[in-house]
């Protein structure tokens, strides 16, 4: 199982949570709750990984 770190912010205009995985093109989503956002991100990442390992633009050390 791979582990990815997501950045999560709350949009003050829409009051939605917005999350993305830095350096992973297409790995982003939004939701009304943190639980829903977590589920959405897992689903998006799963779909993206079906195409193979991502070509990460950045790495955490």
N, C-alpha and C. Protein backbone atom coordinates (compact mmCIF):
# COMPACT_ATOMS: atom_id res chain seq x y z
N UNK A 1 0.84 -1.17 0.00
CA UNK A 1 0.00 0.00 0.00
C UNK A 1 0.89 1.24 0.00
N UNK A 2 0.61 2.17 -0.88
CA UNK A 2 1.36 3.41 -0.96
C UNK A 2 0.71 4.45 -0.05
N UNK A 3 1.53 5.35 0.44
CA UNK A 3 1.04 6.44 1.29
C UNK A 3 1.34 7.76 0.60
N UNK A 4 0.33 8.60 0.53
CA UNK A 4 0.48 9.93 -0.06
C UNK A 4 0.06 10.96 0.98
N UNK A 5 0.71 12.10 0.97
CA UNK A 5 0.38 13.18 1.88
C UNK A 5 -0.45 14.21 1.12
N UNK A 6 -1.59 14.57 1.69
CA UNK A 6 -2.46 15.56 1.06
C UNK A 6 -2.45 16.85 1.87
N UNK A 7 -2.55 17.95 1.17
CA UNK A 7 -2.72 19.26 1.78
C UNK A 7 -4.21 19.55 1.76
N UNK A 8 -4.75 19.95 2.91
CA UNK A 8 -6.19 20.21 3.02
C UNK A 8 -6.39 21.65 3.50
N UNK A 9 -7.27 22.35 2.82
CA UNK A 9 -7.64 23.72 3.18
C UNK A 9 -9.15 23.83 3.17
N UNK A 10 -9.65 24.85 3.83
CA UNK A 10 -11.09 25.10 3.79
C UNK A 10 -11.32 26.41 3.07
N UNK A 11 -12.11 26.37 2.03
CA UNK A 11 -12.43 27.56 1.25
C UNK A 11 -13.43 28.41 2.02
N UNK A 12 -13.09 29.65 2.28
CA UNK A 12 -13.97 30.53 3.04
C UNK A 12 -15.21 30.93 2.24
N UNK A 13 -15.09 30.97 0.91
CA UNK A 13 -16.22 31.36 0.07
C UNK A 13 -17.27 30.25 -0.02
N UNK A 14 -16.83 29.03 -0.26
CA UNK A 14 -17.78 27.92 -0.46
C UNK A 14 -17.97 27.07 0.79
N UNK A 15 -17.07 27.24 1.78
CA UNK A 15 -17.06 26.44 3.01
C UNK A 15 -16.80 24.96 2.73
N UNK A 16 -16.20 24.65 1.58
CA UNK A 16 -15.84 23.28 1.24
C UNK A 16 -14.39 23.02 1.63
N UNK A 17 -14.10 21.77 1.95
CA UNK A 17 -12.73 21.35 2.17
C UNK A 17 -12.14 21.00 0.80
N UNK A 18 -10.92 21.46 0.56
CA UNK A 18 -10.24 21.21 -0.70
C UNK A 18 -8.93 20.51 -0.38
N UNK A 19 -8.67 19.40 -1.06
CA UNK A 19 -7.45 18.66 -0.80
C UNK A 19 -6.74 18.30 -2.08
N UNK A 20 -5.40 18.25 -1.99
CA UNK A 20 -4.60 17.86 -3.15
C UNK A 20 -3.31 17.22 -2.66
N UNK A 21 -2.73 16.39 -3.52
CA UNK A 21 -1.45 15.75 -3.24
C UNK A 21 -0.40 16.53 -4.03
N UNK A 22 0.49 17.25 -3.36
CA UNK A 22 1.50 18.04 -4.07
C UNK A 22 2.34 17.17 -5.01
N UNK A 23 2.51 17.66 -6.22
CA UNK A 23 3.35 16.98 -7.19
C UNK A 23 2.70 15.81 -7.91
N UNK A 24 1.44 15.49 -7.56
CA UNK A 24 0.74 14.36 -8.18
C UNK A 24 -0.36 14.95 -9.06
N UNK A 25 -0.08 15.14 -10.35
CA UNK A 25 -1.05 15.77 -11.24
C UNK A 25 -2.41 15.05 -11.22
N UNK A 26 -3.47 15.82 -11.02
CA UNK A 26 -4.83 15.28 -11.03
C UNK A 26 -5.33 14.79 -9.68
N UNK A 27 -4.45 14.71 -8.69
CA UNK A 27 -4.85 14.18 -7.37
C UNK A 27 -5.37 15.32 -6.50
N UNK A 28 -6.63 15.69 -6.74
CA UNK A 28 -7.27 16.74 -5.97
C UNK A 28 -8.78 16.51 -5.93
N UNK A 29 -9.41 17.06 -4.91
CA UNK A 29 -10.86 16.91 -4.77
C UNK A 29 -11.37 17.94 -3.78
N UNK A 30 -12.68 17.95 -3.59
CA UNK A 30 -13.30 18.82 -2.60
C UNK A 30 -14.52 18.12 -2.02
N UNK A 31 -14.94 18.57 -0.82
CA UNK A 31 -16.08 17.93 -0.16
C UNK A 31 -16.58 18.81 0.98
N UNK A 32 -17.76 18.48 1.47
CA UNK A 32 -18.35 19.23 2.58
C UNK A 32 -17.77 18.84 3.93
N UNK A 33 -17.28 17.60 4.07
CA UNK A 33 -16.71 17.13 5.33
C UNK A 33 -15.32 16.54 5.08
N UNK A 34 -14.53 16.46 6.15
CA UNK A 34 -13.20 15.87 6.03
C UNK A 34 -13.27 14.39 5.69
N UNK A 35 -14.24 13.69 6.26
CA UNK A 35 -14.40 12.26 5.94
C UNK A 35 -14.71 12.06 4.46
N UNK A 36 -15.60 12.88 3.94
CA UNK A 36 -15.96 12.79 2.53
C UNK A 36 -14.76 13.15 1.64
N UNK A 37 -13.99 14.15 2.05
CA UNK A 37 -12.81 14.54 1.29
C UNK A 37 -11.80 13.40 1.27
N UNK A 38 -11.57 12.77 2.41
CA UNK A 38 -10.64 11.64 2.49
C UNK A 38 -11.08 10.53 1.54
N UNK A 39 -12.35 10.22 1.54
CA UNK A 39 -12.89 9.18 0.65
C UNK A 39 -12.70 9.58 -0.82
N UNK A 40 -13.02 10.83 -1.13
CA UNK A 40 -12.87 11.32 -2.51
C UNK A 40 -11.42 11.25 -2.98
N UNK A 41 -10.49 11.68 -2.12
CA UNK A 41 -9.08 11.64 -2.50
C UNK A 41 -8.60 10.21 -2.71
N UNK A 42 -9.02 9.30 -1.84
CA UNK A 42 -8.63 7.89 -2.01
C UNK A 42 -9.14 7.35 -3.35
N UNK A 43 -10.37 7.72 -3.70
CA UNK A 43 -10.96 7.25 -4.96
C UNK A 43 -10.20 7.83 -6.16
N UNK A 44 -9.91 9.12 -6.12
CA UNK A 44 -9.20 9.76 -7.22
C UNK A 44 -7.80 9.17 -7.37
N UNK A 45 -7.09 9.01 -6.26
CA UNK A 45 -5.75 8.44 -6.31
C UNK A 45 -5.80 7.02 -6.85
N UNK A 46 -6.78 6.24 -6.41
CA UNK A 46 -6.93 4.88 -6.92
C UNK A 46 -7.12 4.84 -8.41
N UNK A 47 -7.96 5.74 -8.93
CA UNK A 47 -8.18 5.80 -10.37
C UNK A 47 -6.91 6.21 -11.12
N UNK A 48 -6.19 7.19 -10.56
CA UNK A 48 -4.96 7.65 -11.21
C UNK A 48 -3.90 6.56 -11.21
N UNK A 49 -3.83 5.76 -10.15
CA UNK A 49 -2.83 4.70 -10.06
C UNK A 49 -3.12 3.54 -11.01
N UNK A 50 -4.36 3.44 -11.48
CA UNK A 50 -4.69 2.40 -12.47
C UNK A 50 -3.88 2.59 -13.75
N UNK A 51 -3.47 3.83 -14.01
CA UNK A 51 -2.65 4.13 -15.19
C UNK A 51 -1.17 3.90 -14.94
N UNK A 52 -0.80 3.45 -13.74
CA UNK A 52 0.60 3.22 -13.39
C UNK A 52 1.06 4.21 -12.34
N UNK A 53 2.29 4.02 -11.88
CA UNK A 53 2.85 4.91 -10.87
C UNK A 53 2.94 6.32 -11.42
N UNK A 54 2.63 7.31 -10.58
CA UNK A 54 2.68 8.70 -11.05
C UNK A 54 4.11 9.18 -11.22
N UNK A 55 4.28 10.13 -12.10
CA UNK A 55 5.57 10.80 -12.27
C UNK A 55 5.52 12.03 -11.37
N UNK A 56 5.91 11.82 -10.11
CA UNK A 56 5.79 12.87 -9.10
C UNK A 56 6.70 14.06 -9.43
N UNK A 57 6.11 15.26 -9.32
CA UNK A 57 6.87 16.48 -9.57
C UNK A 57 7.72 16.87 -8.35
N UNK A 58 7.27 16.51 -7.15
CA UNK A 58 7.96 16.87 -5.92
C UNK A 58 7.99 15.68 -4.99
N UNK A 59 8.88 15.74 -4.02
CA UNK A 59 9.01 14.66 -3.03
C UNK A 59 9.18 15.28 -1.66
N UNK A 60 8.66 14.61 -0.63
CA UNK A 60 8.88 15.00 0.75
C UNK A 60 10.08 14.23 1.27
N UNK A 61 10.90 14.87 2.05
CA UNK A 61 12.06 14.20 2.61
C UNK A 61 11.97 14.15 4.12
